[in-house]
Amino acid sequence: MLTRLSMTERREQLVACALRLAYRSGIGAVTVRAVADEAGVSFGIVHYCFESKDELVTAMIERTIAEQLDAFIGDDQEQGIPVPEVTDADEPRGAEALRELLLGTLNTVLRKVIDYPERWMLLVESTQLSLRAEPGSPAAGVARRQNELAEQFGAGYLRAVGAQTAMGWGDRERTVVRGAIQMVLGLIQWWLADGDDDSAARSVELLADWVVDQATPA
């Protein structure tokens, strides 16, 4: 017997089923029929909750973005990447302290990519899907929104590590944030292609060095 769920609960269930399909076989495997089969519901229930496949896939992508950000900013330090808090003057300051903080964060990001590659492959696919979407469709703005959220997190993180180490980027902050995010995304895609952990770790060090080189004492 089909469990009776509210509209919100049913939509969440269907999005979760769509995600499982996408993780296993890519976004191309996410169809209304496949999601219905995965959820054990009728074709009509999926159409009742989502007007189109495009709307369903967009909801799935938005869930993916939210989960990835939660992984970065979660309260559990083993699961997320906490934004540092400003501490007292006895804490290490300066370029070397900044580099150590950046390396710690970037290596955590790399470890998450290595541990959960299917999540990052889905984000790459979602960007391509959004860029190819018809203007005005639900998926059309997903890539831009994804970049905006990443930039917001990056700016907040950079300000926090800068305050903790008495370093800053002045009016170049946004340029540095965007450049760093672009390099991280490139690093991720490169690792997904070749799986070379050592090469990725060296790229992390180069990125940390670049961000530090752009900073000056605050």
N, C-alpha and C. Protein backbone atom coordinates (compact mmCIF):
# COMPACT_ATOMS: atom_id res chain seq x y z
N MET A 1 0.85 -1.20 0.00
CA MET A 1 0.00 0.00 0.00
C MET A 1 0.88 1.24 0.00
N LEU A 2 0.55 2.21 -0.84
CA LEU A 2 1.35 3.43 -0.97
C LEU A 2 1.21 4.29 0.27
N THR A 3 2.32 4.68 0.87
CA THR A 3 2.30 5.53 2.05
C THR A 3 1.78 6.91 1.67
N ARG A 4 0.88 7.45 2.49
CA ARG A 4 0.32 8.77 2.21
C ARG A 4 1.28 9.83 2.73
N LEU A 5 1.76 10.67 1.83
CA LEU A 5 2.70 11.73 2.19
C LEU A 5 2.15 13.07 1.76
N SER A 6 2.59 14.11 2.45
CA SER A 6 2.22 15.46 2.02
C SER A 6 2.93 15.78 0.71
N MET A 7 2.51 16.85 0.05
CA MET A 7 3.15 17.24 -1.20
C MET A 7 4.64 17.49 -1.00
N THR A 8 4.99 18.20 0.09
CA THR A 8 6.40 18.50 0.37
C THR A 8 7.19 17.22 0.58
N GLU A 9 6.64 16.30 1.37
CA GLU A 9 7.33 15.03 1.65
C GLU A 9 7.49 14.20 0.38
N ARG A 10 6.45 14.19 -0.45
CA ARG A 10 6.52 13.41 -1.68
C ARG A 10 7.56 13.99 -2.64
N ARG A 11 7.60 15.32 -2.74
CA ARG A 11 8.59 15.96 -3.60
C ARG A 11 10.01 15.62 -3.11
N GLU A 12 10.21 15.68 -1.79
CA GLU A 12 11.53 15.35 -1.24
C GLU A 12 11.89 13.91 -1.54
N GLN A 13 10.92 13.01 -1.43
CA GLN A 13 11.18 11.59 -1.73
C GLN A 13 11.57 11.42 -3.20
N LEU A 14 10.85 12.08 -4.08
CA LEU A 14 11.13 11.94 -5.51
C LEU A 14 12.48 12.55 -5.89
N VAL A 15 12.82 13.67 -5.27
CA VAL A 15 14.14 14.27 -5.52
C VAL A 15 15.24 13.33 -5.05
N ALA A 16 15.05 12.71 -3.88
CA ALA A 16 16.05 11.76 -3.37
C ALA A 16 16.20 10.58 -4.33
N CYS A 17 15.10 10.10 -4.88
CA CYS A 17 15.17 9.00 -5.85
C CYS A 17 15.88 9.43 -7.12
N ALA A 18 15.60 10.66 -7.57
CA ALA A 18 16.28 11.19 -8.75
C ALA A 18 17.79 11.27 -8.52
N LEU A 19 18.17 11.68 -7.32
CA LEU A 19 19.59 11.77 -6.98
C LEU A 19 20.26 10.41 -7.02
N ARG A 20 19.59 9.39 -6.49
CA ARG A 20 20.17 8.04 -6.52
C ARG A 20 20.40 7.59 -7.96
N LEU A 21 19.43 7.86 -8.80
CA LEU A 21 19.59 7.50 -10.22
C LEU A 21 20.76 8.25 -10.85
N ALA A 22 20.85 9.55 -10.56
CA ALA A 22 21.91 10.37 -11.16
C ALA A 22 23.28 9.95 -10.66
N TYR A 23 23.39 9.61 -9.38
CA TYR A 23 24.68 9.16 -8.85
C TYR A 23 25.11 7.86 -9.51
N ARG A 24 24.15 6.98 -9.77
CA ARG A 24 24.47 5.68 -10.36
C ARG A 24 24.80 5.79 -11.85
N SER A 25 24.00 6.58 -12.57
CA SER A 25 24.10 6.53 -14.03
C SER A 25 24.14 7.89 -14.73
N GLY A 26 24.21 8.98 -13.97
CA GLY A 26 24.26 10.30 -14.59
C GLY A 26 22.89 10.93 -14.75
N ILE A 27 22.88 12.24 -15.05
CA ILE A 27 21.63 12.97 -15.17
C ILE A 27 20.76 12.42 -16.29
N GLY A 28 21.39 11.90 -17.34
CA GLY A 28 20.63 11.36 -18.45
C GLY A 28 19.70 10.22 -18.06
N ALA A 29 20.00 9.56 -16.94
CA ALA A 29 19.17 8.44 -16.49
C ALA A 29 17.93 8.90 -15.74
N VAL A 30 17.87 10.19 -15.42
CA VAL A 30 16.74 10.72 -14.63
C VAL A 30 15.59 11.07 -15.57
N THR A 31 14.63 10.17 -15.65
CA THR A 31 13.40 10.41 -16.40
C THR A 31 12.23 10.28 -15.44
N VAL A 32 11.08 10.79 -15.84
CA VAL A 32 9.89 10.69 -14.98
C VAL A 32 9.58 9.23 -14.70
N ARG A 33 9.64 8.39 -15.73
CA ARG A 33 9.35 6.96 -15.55
C ARG A 33 10.36 6.30 -14.62
N ALA A 34 11.64 6.60 -14.80
CA ALA A 34 12.67 5.98 -13.96
C ALA A 34 12.53 6.41 -12.50
N VAL A 35 12.21 7.67 -12.27
CA VAL A 35 12.02 8.16 -10.90
C VAL A 35 10.80 7.50 -10.27
N ALA A 36 9.73 7.36 -11.04
CA ALA A 36 8.53 6.69 -10.52
C ALA A 36 8.86 5.25 -10.12
N ASP A 37 9.60 4.55 -10.96
CA ASP A 37 9.97 3.17 -10.65
C ASP A 37 10.87 3.11 -9.42
N GLU A 38 11.82 4.04 -9.33
CA GLU A 38 12.73 4.07 -8.19
C GLU A 38 11.98 4.31 -6.89
N ALA A 39 10.96 5.17 -6.95
CA ALA A 39 10.19 5.52 -5.75
C ALA A 39 9.06 4.53 -5.47
N GLY A 40 8.75 3.68 -6.45
CA GLY A 40 7.66 2.73 -6.27
C GLY A 40 6.30 3.40 -6.31
N VAL A 41 6.18 4.46 -7.13
CA VAL A 41 4.91 5.17 -7.25
C VAL A 41 4.50 5.21 -8.72
N SER A 42 3.31 5.69 -8.97
CA SER A 42 2.83 5.76 -10.35
C SER A 42 3.44 6.95 -11.09
N PHE A 43 3.43 6.84 -12.41
CA PHE A 43 3.89 7.91 -13.29
C PHE A 43 3.13 9.21 -12.98
N GLY A 44 1.83 9.08 -12.71
CA GLY A 44 0.99 10.25 -12.46
C GLY A 44 1.37 11.00 -11.21
N ILE A 45 1.84 10.29 -10.18
CA ILE A 45 2.22 10.97 -8.93
C ILE A 45 3.42 11.88 -9.17
N VAL A 46 4.37 11.42 -9.97
CA VAL A 46 5.53 12.27 -10.27
C VAL A 46 5.08 13.52 -11.00
N HIS A 47 4.18 13.37 -11.97
CA HIS A 47 3.69 14.53 -12.73
C HIS A 47 2.83 15.44 -11.86
N TYR A 48 2.19 14.88 -10.86
CA TYR A 48 1.40 15.70 -9.94
C TYR A 48 2.31 16.60 -9.10
N CYS A 49 3.48 16.08 -8.72
CA CYS A 49 4.41 16.83 -7.87
C CYS A 49 5.31 17.76 -8.67
N PHE A 50 5.61 17.40 -9.91
CA PHE A 50 6.49 18.21 -10.76
C PHE A 50 5.84 18.36 -12.13
N GLU A 51 5.76 19.59 -12.61
CA GLU A 51 5.09 19.85 -13.88
C GLU A 51 5.83 19.23 -15.07
N SER A 52 7.13 19.07 -14.91
CA SER A 52 7.92 18.54 -16.03
C SER A 52 9.18 17.86 -15.50
N LYS A 53 9.83 17.12 -16.38
CA LYS A 53 11.12 16.53 -16.03
C LYS A 53 12.13 17.62 -15.71
N ASP A 54 12.08 18.73 -16.45
CA ASP A 54 12.99 19.84 -16.23
C ASP A 54 12.88 20.37 -14.81
N GLU A 55 11.65 20.51 -14.32
CA GLU A 55 11.45 20.99 -12.96
C GLU A 55 11.99 20.00 -11.94
N LEU A 56 11.79 18.72 -12.18
CA LEU A 56 12.29 17.68 -11.28
C LEU A 56 13.81 17.68 -11.24
N VAL A 57 14.44 17.74 -12.41
CA VAL A 57 15.91 17.73 -12.47
C VAL A 57 16.48 18.98 -11.81
N THR A 58 15.82 20.12 -12.00
CA THR A 58 16.29 21.36 -11.37
C THR A 58 16.23 21.25 -9.85
N ALA A 59 15.14 20.69 -9.33
CA ALA A 59 15.03 20.49 -7.88
C ALA A 59 16.13 19.56 -7.38
N MET A 60 16.44 18.54 -8.16
CA MET A 60 17.51 17.60 -7.80
C MET A 60 18.86 18.31 -7.76
N ILE A 61 19.13 19.16 -8.76
CA ILE A 61 20.40 19.88 -8.81
C ILE A 61 20.51 20.84 -7.63
N GLU A 62 19.42 21.53 -7.31
CA GLU A 62 19.45 22.46 -6.18
C GLU A 62 19.73 21.72 -4.88
N ARG A 63 19.17 20.51 -4.75
CA ARG A 63 19.46 19.69 -3.56
C ARG A 63 20.94 19.33 -3.52
N THR A 64 21.50 18.98 -4.66
CA THR A 64 22.92 18.63 -4.72
C THR A 64 23.80 19.80 -4.28
N ILE A 65 23.50 20.99 -4.79
CA ILE A 65 24.27 22.18 -4.41
C ILE A 65 24.17 22.42 -2.92
N ALA A 66 22.96 22.31 -2.37
CA ALA A 66 22.76 22.54 -0.94
C ALA A 66 23.54 21.52 -0.11
N GLU A 67 23.54 20.26 -0.54
CA GLU A 67 24.26 19.23 0.21
C GLU A 67 25.76 19.47 0.17
N GLN A 68 26.28 19.92 -0.97
CA GLN A 68 27.71 20.19 -1.06
C GLN A 68 28.10 21.36 -0.17
N LEU A 69 27.27 22.40 -0.13
CA LEU A 69 27.56 23.53 0.75
C LEU A 69 27.45 23.12 2.21
N ASP A 70 26.46 22.28 2.54
CA ASP A 70 26.34 21.78 3.91
C ASP A 70 27.58 21.00 4.30
N ALA A 71 28.14 20.26 3.37
CA ALA A 71 29.37 19.50 3.66
C ALA A 71 30.52 20.44 3.99
N PHE A 72 30.53 21.62 3.39
CA PHE A 72 31.60 22.58 3.63
C PHE A 72 31.40 23.35 4.93
N ILE A 73 30.16 23.73 5.24
CA ILE A 73 29.94 24.64 6.36
C ILE A 73 29.21 23.98 7.52
N GLY A 74 29.14 22.64 7.52
CA GLY A 74 28.47 21.95 8.60
C GLY A 74 29.15 22.16 9.95
N ASP A 75 28.39 21.99 11.03
CA ASP A 75 28.93 22.21 12.37
C ASP A 75 29.89 21.10 12.79
N ASP A 76 29.67 19.88 12.29
CA ASP A 76 30.53 18.76 12.63
C ASP A 76 31.85 18.91 11.89
N GLN A 77 32.94 19.11 12.63
CA GLN A 77 34.22 19.38 11.99
C GLN A 77 34.74 18.20 11.20
N GLU A 78 34.27 16.99 11.50
CA GLU A 78 34.71 15.84 10.72
C GLU A 78 33.94 15.76 9.40
N GLN A 79 32.76 16.40 9.35
CA GLN A 79 31.94 16.33 8.15
C GLN A 79 32.04 17.59 7.31
N GLY A 80 32.24 18.73 7.95
CA GLY A 80 32.24 19.98 7.23
C GLY A 80 33.56 20.71 7.34
N ILE A 81 33.61 21.87 6.70
CA ILE A 81 34.78 22.73 6.76
C ILE A 81 34.38 23.98 7.50
N PRO A 82 34.56 24.04 8.82
CA PRO A 82 34.10 25.20 9.58
C PRO A 82 34.87 26.45 9.22
N VAL A 83 34.17 27.57 9.13
CA VAL A 83 34.84 28.84 8.90
C VAL A 83 35.52 29.25 10.20
N PRO A 84 36.82 29.55 10.18
CA PRO A 84 37.54 29.89 11.40
C PRO A 84 36.95 31.11 12.10
N GLU A 85 37.07 31.12 13.42
CA GLU A 85 36.67 32.28 14.20
C GLU A 85 37.91 33.09 14.55
N VAL A 86 37.72 34.39 14.67
CA VAL A 86 38.84 35.25 15.06
C VAL A 86 39.21 34.92 16.50
N THR A 87 40.50 34.71 16.75
CA THR A 87 40.97 34.33 18.08
C THR A 87 41.85 35.42 18.65
N ASP A 88 42.47 35.13 19.81
CA ASP A 88 43.24 36.18 20.48
C ASP A 88 44.58 36.40 19.79
N ALA A 89 45.29 37.39 20.28
CA ALA A 89 46.53 37.82 19.63
C ALA A 89 47.66 36.80 19.75
N ASP A 90 47.50 35.80 20.63
CA ASP A 90 48.55 34.79 20.78
C ASP A 90 48.55 33.78 19.63
N GLU A 91 47.48 33.76 18.85
CA GLU A 91 47.42 32.83 17.72
C GLU A 91 48.42 33.25 16.64
N PRO A 92 48.99 32.27 15.91
CA PRO A 92 49.94 32.61 14.84
C PRO A 92 49.31 33.55 13.81
N ARG A 93 50.08 34.55 13.41
CA ARG A 93 49.60 35.51 12.41
C ARG A 93 50.56 35.54 11.23
N GLY A 94 50.16 36.20 10.17
CA GLY A 94 51.04 36.39 9.04
C GLY A 94 50.84 35.39 7.92
N ALA A 95 51.70 35.50 6.91
CA ALA A 95 51.55 34.73 5.68
C ALA A 95 51.64 33.22 5.90
N GLU A 96 52.56 32.78 6.75
CA GLU A 96 52.73 31.34 6.95
C GLU A 96 51.52 30.74 7.66
N ALA A 97 50.99 31.47 8.64
CA ALA A 97 49.79 31.00 9.34
C ALA A 97 48.61 30.93 8.37
N LEU A 98 48.50 31.94 7.50
CA LEU A 98 47.44 31.94 6.49
C LEU A 98 47.58 30.74 5.56
N ARG A 99 48.80 30.47 5.14
CA ARG A 99 49.03 29.33 4.24
C ARG A 99 48.62 28.02 4.88
N GLU A 100 48.93 27.85 6.16
CA GLU A 100 48.57 26.61 6.85
C GLU A 100 47.05 26.43 6.91
N LEU A 101 46.33 27.52 7.20
CA LEU A 101 44.87 27.44 7.24
C LEU A 101 44.30 27.09 5.86
N LEU A 102 44.81 27.75 4.84
CA LEU A 102 44.34 27.49 3.48
C LEU A 102 44.62 26.05 3.06
N LEU A 103 45.82 25.57 3.36
CA LEU A 103 46.17 24.19 3.01
C LEU A 103 45.25 23.20 3.70
N GLY A 104 44.95 23.45 4.97
CA GLY A 104 44.06 22.56 5.70
C GLY A 104 42.69 22.47 5.05
N THR A 105 42.15 23.62 4.67
CA THR A 105 40.84 23.65 4.04
C THR A 105 40.87 23.01 2.66
N LEU A 106 41.85 23.39 1.84
CA LEU A 106 41.91 22.86 0.47
C LEU A 106 42.15 21.36 0.45
N ASN A 107 42.94 20.86 1.38
CA ASN A 107 43.16 19.41 1.45
C ASN A 107 41.90 18.68 1.90
N THR A 108 41.09 19.34 2.74
CA THR A 108 39.81 18.75 3.13
C THR A 108 38.87 18.68 1.93
N VAL A 109 38.85 19.74 1.14
CA VAL A 109 38.05 19.74 -0.09
C VAL A 109 38.49 18.59 -1.00
N LEU A 110 39.79 18.47 -1.20
CA LEU A 110 40.31 17.40 -2.06
C LEU A 110 39.91 16.03 -1.54
N ARG A 111 39.99 15.84 -0.23
CA ARG A 111 39.62 14.55 0.35
C ARG A 111 38.15 14.25 0.11
N LYS A 112 37.29 15.26 0.18
CA LYS A 112 35.87 15.06 -0.07
C LYS A 112 35.62 14.66 -1.53
N VAL A 113 36.38 15.25 -2.43
CA VAL A 113 36.26 14.89 -3.85
C VAL A 113 36.67 13.44 -4.06
N ILE A 114 37.79 13.06 -3.46
CA ILE A 114 38.30 11.69 -3.61
C ILE A 114 37.34 10.67 -3.00
N ASP A 115 36.75 11.02 -1.86
CA ASP A 115 35.85 10.09 -1.17
C ASP A 115 34.48 9.98 -1.84
N TYR A 116 34.01 11.07 -2.46
CA TYR A 116 32.65 11.08 -3.03
C TYR A 116 32.67 11.63 -4.47
N PRO A 117 33.38 10.98 -5.38
CA PRO A 117 33.50 11.52 -6.74
C PRO A 117 32.16 11.65 -7.46
N GLU A 118 31.20 10.75 -7.16
CA GLU A 118 29.93 10.80 -7.89
C GLU A 118 29.18 12.10 -7.64
N ARG A 119 29.36 12.68 -6.45
CA ARG A 119 28.69 13.95 -6.15
C ARG A 119 29.24 15.07 -7.02
N TRP A 120 30.54 15.06 -7.21
CA TRP A 120 31.17 16.13 -7.99
C TRP A 120 30.94 15.94 -9.47
N MET A 121 30.87 14.69 -9.92
CA MET A 121 30.52 14.46 -11.32
C MET A 121 29.13 14.99 -11.62
N LEU A 122 28.22 14.83 -10.66
CA LEU A 122 26.87 15.33 -10.85
C LEU A 122 26.85 16.85 -10.94
N LEU A 123 27.68 17.51 -10.14
CA LEU A 123 27.75 18.97 -10.22
C LEU A 123 28.28 19.42 -11.58
N VAL A 124 29.27 18.71 -12.10
CA VAL A 124 29.79 19.03 -13.44
C VAL A 124 28.68 18.86 -14.48
N GLU A 125 27.95 17.75 -14.40
CA GLU A 125 26.85 17.51 -15.34
C GLU A 125 25.78 18.59 -15.22
N SER A 126 25.49 18.99 -13.97
CA SER A 126 24.42 19.97 -13.76
C SER A 126 24.77 21.31 -14.37
N THR A 127 26.06 21.67 -14.31
CA THR A 127 26.49 22.92 -14.93
C THR A 127 26.28 22.87 -16.44
N GLN A 128 26.67 21.78 -17.05
CA GLN A 128 26.50 21.63 -18.50
C GLN A 128 25.02 21.66 -18.88
N LEU A 129 24.19 20.99 -18.07
CA LEU A 129 22.75 20.97 -18.34
C LEU A 129 22.17 22.37 -18.28
N SER A 130 22.58 23.13 -17.27
CA SER A 130 22.07 24.49 -17.10
C SER A 130 22.49 25.38 -18.27
N LEU A 131 23.74 25.25 -18.69
CA LEU A 131 24.23 26.10 -19.77
C LEU A 131 23.54 25.80 -21.10
N ARG A 132 23.05 24.58 -21.26
CA ARG A 132 22.37 24.19 -22.50
C ARG A 132 20.85 24.39 -22.42
N ALA A 133 20.35 24.76 -21.24
CA ALA A 133 18.90 24.88 -21.05
C ALA A 133 18.33 26.06 -21.83
N GLU A 134 17.07 25.94 -22.19
CA GLU A 134 16.37 27.03 -22.87
C GLU A 134 16.24 28.23 -21.94
N PRO A 135 16.48 29.45 -22.44
CA PRO A 135 16.31 30.65 -21.60
C PRO A 135 14.90 30.68 -20.99
N GLY A 136 14.85 30.96 -19.70
CA GLY A 136 13.56 31.02 -19.02
C GLY A 136 13.11 29.71 -18.42
N SER A 137 13.79 28.62 -18.73
CA SER A 137 13.42 27.32 -18.17
C SER A 137 13.94 27.21 -16.74
N PRO A 138 13.37 26.28 -15.92
CA PRO A 138 13.82 26.16 -14.53
C PRO A 138 15.31 25.92 -14.38
N ALA A 139 15.92 25.20 -15.34
CA ALA A 139 17.34 24.85 -15.21
C ALA A 139 18.28 25.96 -15.67
N ALA A 140 17.74 26.96 -16.37
CA ALA A 140 18.60 27.94 -17.04
C ALA A 140 19.50 28.72 -16.08
N GLY A 141 19.02 29.03 -14.89
CA GLY A 141 19.81 29.85 -13.98
C GLY A 141 20.60 29.07 -12.95
N VAL A 142 20.58 27.74 -13.03
CA VAL A 142 21.22 26.93 -12.00
C VAL A 142 22.73 27.14 -11.96
N ALA A 143 23.39 27.20 -13.10
CA ALA A 143 24.85 27.35 -13.12
C ALA A 143 25.26 28.68 -12.49
N ARG A 144 24.54 29.74 -12.82
CA ARG A 144 24.85 31.05 -12.23
C ARG A 144 24.64 31.02 -10.72
N ARG A 145 23.52 30.42 -10.29
CA ARG A 145 23.24 30.34 -8.85
C ARG A 145 24.31 29.52 -8.14
N GLN A 146 24.75 28.46 -8.76
CA GLN A 146 25.79 27.61 -8.19
C GLN A 146 27.07 28.43 -7.97
N ASN A 147 27.44 29.24 -8.96
CA ASN A 147 28.63 30.09 -8.83
C ASN A 147 28.45 31.15 -7.76
N GLU A 148 27.25 31.73 -7.68
CA GLU A 148 27.00 32.78 -6.69
C GLU A 148 27.13 32.23 -5.27
N LEU A 149 26.58 31.03 -5.03
CA LEU A 149 26.68 30.43 -3.70
C LEU A 149 28.13 30.11 -3.35
N ALA A 150 28.87 29.59 -4.33
CA ALA A 150 30.28 29.28 -4.09
C ALA A 150 31.06 30.56 -3.77
N GLU A 151 30.74 31.64 -4.48
CA GLU A 151 31.45 32.90 -4.25
C GLU A 151 31.11 33.47 -2.87
N GLN A 152 29.85 33.35 -2.45
CA GLN A 152 29.46 33.83 -1.12
C GLN A 152 30.22 33.09 -0.03
N PHE A 153 30.28 31.76 -0.16
CA PHE A 153 31.02 30.98 0.83
C PHE A 153 32.49 31.32 0.80
N GLY A 154 33.06 31.42 -0.40
CA GLY A 154 34.49 31.72 -0.54
C GLY A 154 34.86 33.06 0.05
N ALA A 155 34.01 34.07 -0.17
CA ALA A 155 34.30 35.40 0.37
C ALA A 155 34.24 35.39 1.89
N GLY A 156 33.23 34.71 2.45
CA GLY A 156 33.13 34.63 3.90
C GLY A 156 34.31 33.90 4.51
N TYR A 157 34.72 32.81 3.86
CA TYR A 157 35.86 32.05 4.36
C TYR A 157 37.14 32.87 4.29
N LEU A 158 37.38 33.55 3.18
CA LEU A 158 38.61 34.33 3.02
C LEU A 158 38.69 35.46 4.05
N ARG A 159 37.56 36.11 4.30
CA ARG A 159 37.56 37.18 5.31
C ARG A 159 37.88 36.61 6.69
N ALA A 160 37.35 35.42 6.97
CA ALA A 160 37.58 34.82 8.29
C ALA A 160 39.04 34.44 8.49
N VAL A 161 39.64 33.78 7.50
CA VAL A 161 41.05 33.38 7.66
C VAL A 161 41.95 34.61 7.62
N GLY A 162 41.54 35.63 6.88
CA GLY A 162 42.31 36.87 6.86
C GLY A 162 42.29 37.56 8.21
N ALA A 163 41.11 37.60 8.84
CA ALA A 163 41.00 38.22 10.16
C ALA A 163 41.79 37.44 11.20
N GLN A 164 41.78 36.12 11.09
CA GLN A 164 42.48 35.29 12.07
C GLN A 164 43.99 35.44 11.96
N THR A 165 44.49 35.71 10.77
CA THR A 165 45.95 35.78 10.57
C THR A 165 46.46 37.19 10.34
N ALA A 166 45.57 38.18 10.49
CA ALA A 166 45.94 39.59 10.29
C ALA A 166 46.46 39.84 8.87
N MET A 167 45.80 39.21 7.91
CA MET A 167 46.14 39.40 6.50
C MET A 167 44.87 39.81 5.75
N GLY A 168 45.04 40.43 4.59
CA GLY A 168 43.87 40.85 3.82
C GLY A 168 44.19 41.02 2.35
N TRP A 169 43.13 41.25 1.57
CA TRP A 169 43.29 41.36 0.12
C TRP A 169 42.78 42.70 -0.43
N GLY A 170 42.30 43.55 0.45
CA GLY A 170 41.86 44.88 0.05
C GLY A 170 40.80 44.83 -1.04
N ASP A 171 40.92 45.72 -2.02
CA ASP A 171 39.91 45.77 -3.08
C ASP A 171 40.08 44.65 -4.11
N ARG A 172 41.06 43.78 -3.90
CA ARG A 172 41.26 42.62 -4.79
C ARG A 172 40.56 41.37 -4.26
N GLU A 173 39.85 41.51 -3.14
CA GLU A 173 39.28 40.33 -2.50
C GLU A 173 38.39 39.52 -3.44
N ARG A 174 37.46 40.20 -4.13
CA ARG A 174 36.55 39.46 -4.99
C ARG A 174 37.29 38.77 -6.13
N THR A 175 38.29 39.45 -6.68
CA THR A 175 39.08 38.85 -7.76
C THR A 175 39.79 37.59 -7.27
N VAL A 176 40.34 37.65 -6.06
CA VAL A 176 41.04 36.49 -5.50
C VAL A 176 40.05 35.36 -5.23
N VAL A 177 38.89 35.69 -4.66
CA VAL A 177 37.88 34.66 -4.38
C VAL A 177 37.46 33.95 -5.66
N ARG A 178 37.13 34.73 -6.66
CA ARG A 178 36.67 34.13 -7.92
C ARG A 178 37.79 33.31 -8.58
N GLY A 179 39.01 33.84 -8.56
CA GLY A 179 40.12 33.10 -9.14
C GLY A 179 40.37 31.78 -8.42
N ALA A 180 40.31 31.81 -7.08
CA ALA A 180 40.54 30.60 -6.30
C ALA A 180 39.47 29.55 -6.57
N ILE A 181 38.21 29.99 -6.63
CA ILE A 181 37.12 29.05 -6.90
C ILE A 181 37.27 28.44 -8.29
N GLN A 182 37.63 29.27 -9.26
CA GLN A 182 37.83 28.75 -10.61
C GLN A 182 38.94 27.70 -10.64
N MET A 183 40.01 27.94 -9.88
CA MET A 183 41.10 26.97 -9.83
C MET A 183 40.67 25.69 -9.11
N VAL A 184 39.88 25.82 -8.05
CA VAL A 184 39.39 24.63 -7.35
C VAL A 184 38.52 23.79 -8.28
N LEU A 185 37.62 24.44 -9.01
CA LEU A 185 36.75 23.69 -9.92
C LEU A 185 37.55 23.01 -11.02
N GLY A 186 38.57 23.70 -11.52
CA GLY A 186 39.43 23.08 -12.52
C GLY A 186 40.20 21.90 -11.96
N LEU A 187 40.68 22.05 -10.73
CA LEU A 187 41.41 20.96 -10.07
C LEU A 187 40.51 19.74 -9.91
N ILE A 188 39.25 19.99 -9.50
CA ILE A 188 38.31 18.88 -9.30
C ILE A 188 38.07 18.15 -10.62
N GLN A 189 37.79 18.89 -11.68
CA GLN A 189 37.51 18.24 -12.96
C GLN A 189 38.74 17.48 -13.47
N TRP A 190 39.92 18.04 -13.25
CA TRP A 190 41.14 17.36 -13.69
C TRP A 190 41.31 16.05 -12.92
N TRP A 191 41.07 16.09 -11.59
CA TRP A 191 41.20 14.86 -10.80
C TRP A 191 40.16 13.83 -11.23
N LEU A 192 38.93 14.27 -11.51
CA LEU A 192 37.91 13.33 -11.96
C LEU A 192 38.35 12.62 -13.24
N ALA A 193 39.14 13.31 -14.07
CA ALA A 193 39.58 12.73 -15.33
C ALA A 193 40.76 11.78 -15.16
N ASP A 194 41.73 12.15 -14.28
CA ASP A 194 42.94 11.30 -14.20
C ASP A 194 43.12 10.57 -12.86
N GLY A 195 42.40 10.98 -11.82
CA GLY A 195 42.49 10.29 -10.53
C GLY A 195 43.86 10.33 -9.90
N ASP A 196 44.68 11.32 -10.24
CA ASP A 196 46.05 11.41 -9.73
C ASP A 196 46.05 12.23 -8.43
N ASP A 197 46.03 11.53 -7.29
CA ASP A 197 45.97 12.20 -5.99
C ASP A 197 47.18 13.08 -5.74
N ASP A 198 48.36 12.59 -6.07
CA ASP A 198 49.59 13.34 -5.80
C ASP A 198 49.65 14.64 -6.61
N SER A 199 49.27 14.56 -7.86
CA SER A 199 49.26 15.75 -8.70
C SER A 199 48.25 16.77 -8.17
N ALA A 200 47.09 16.29 -7.74
CA ALA A 200 46.07 17.19 -7.18
C ALA A 200 46.58 17.85 -5.90
N ALA A 201 47.30 17.10 -5.07
CA ALA A 201 47.84 17.66 -3.83
C ALA A 201 48.87 18.76 -4.13
N ARG A 202 49.66 18.56 -5.17
CA ARG A 202 50.63 19.60 -5.55
C ARG A 202 49.91 20.85 -6.07
N SER A 203 48.81 20.65 -6.78
CA SER A 203 48.02 21.79 -7.26
C SER A 203 47.41 22.56 -6.09
N VAL A 204 47.01 21.83 -5.06
CA VAL A 204 46.48 22.47 -3.85
C VAL A 204 47.54 23.39 -3.24
N GLU A 205 48.77 22.92 -3.17
CA GLU A 205 49.85 23.74 -2.61
C GLU A 205 50.09 24.99 -3.45
N LEU A 206 50.07 24.84 -4.76
CA LEU A 206 50.26 25.99 -5.64
C LEU A 206 49.13 27.01 -5.46
N LEU A 207 47.90 26.52 -5.31
CA LEU A 207 46.77 27.42 -5.11
C LEU A 207 46.89 28.17 -3.79
N ALA A 208 47.25 27.46 -2.73
CA ALA A 208 47.43 28.12 -1.43
C ALA A 208 48.51 29.18 -1.52
N ASP A 209 49.62 28.86 -2.19
CA ASP A 209 50.70 29.84 -2.35
C ASP A 209 50.22 31.07 -3.11
N TRP A 210 49.41 30.86 -4.14
CA TRP A 210 48.92 31.99 -4.94
C TRP A 210 48.03 32.91 -4.10
N VAL A 211 47.12 32.31 -3.33
CA VAL A 211 46.22 33.13 -2.51
C VAL A 211 47.02 33.93 -1.48
N VAL A 212 48.02 33.30 -0.87
CA VAL A 212 48.87 34.00 0.11
C VAL A 212 49.65 35.12 -0.57
N ASP A 213 50.15 34.87 -1.76
CA ASP A 213 50.93 35.89 -2.48
C ASP A 213 50.10 37.14 -2.78
N GLN A 214 48.78 36.98 -2.89
CA GLN A 214 47.92 38.13 -3.17
C GLN A 214 47.59 38.93 -1.91
N ALA A 215 47.92 38.38 -0.74
CA ALA A 215 47.54 39.02 0.53
C ALA A 215 48.63 39.96 1.03
N THR A 216 48.21 40.92 1.84
CA THR A 216 49.14 41.84 2.50
C THR A 216 48.74 41.94 3.97
N PRO A 217 49.67 42.31 4.85
CA PRO A 217 49.32 42.46 6.27
C PRO A 217 48.19 43.47 6.44
N ALA A 218 47.23 43.10 7.27
CA ALA A 218 46.06 43.98 7.48
C ALA A 218 46.39 45.05 8.52
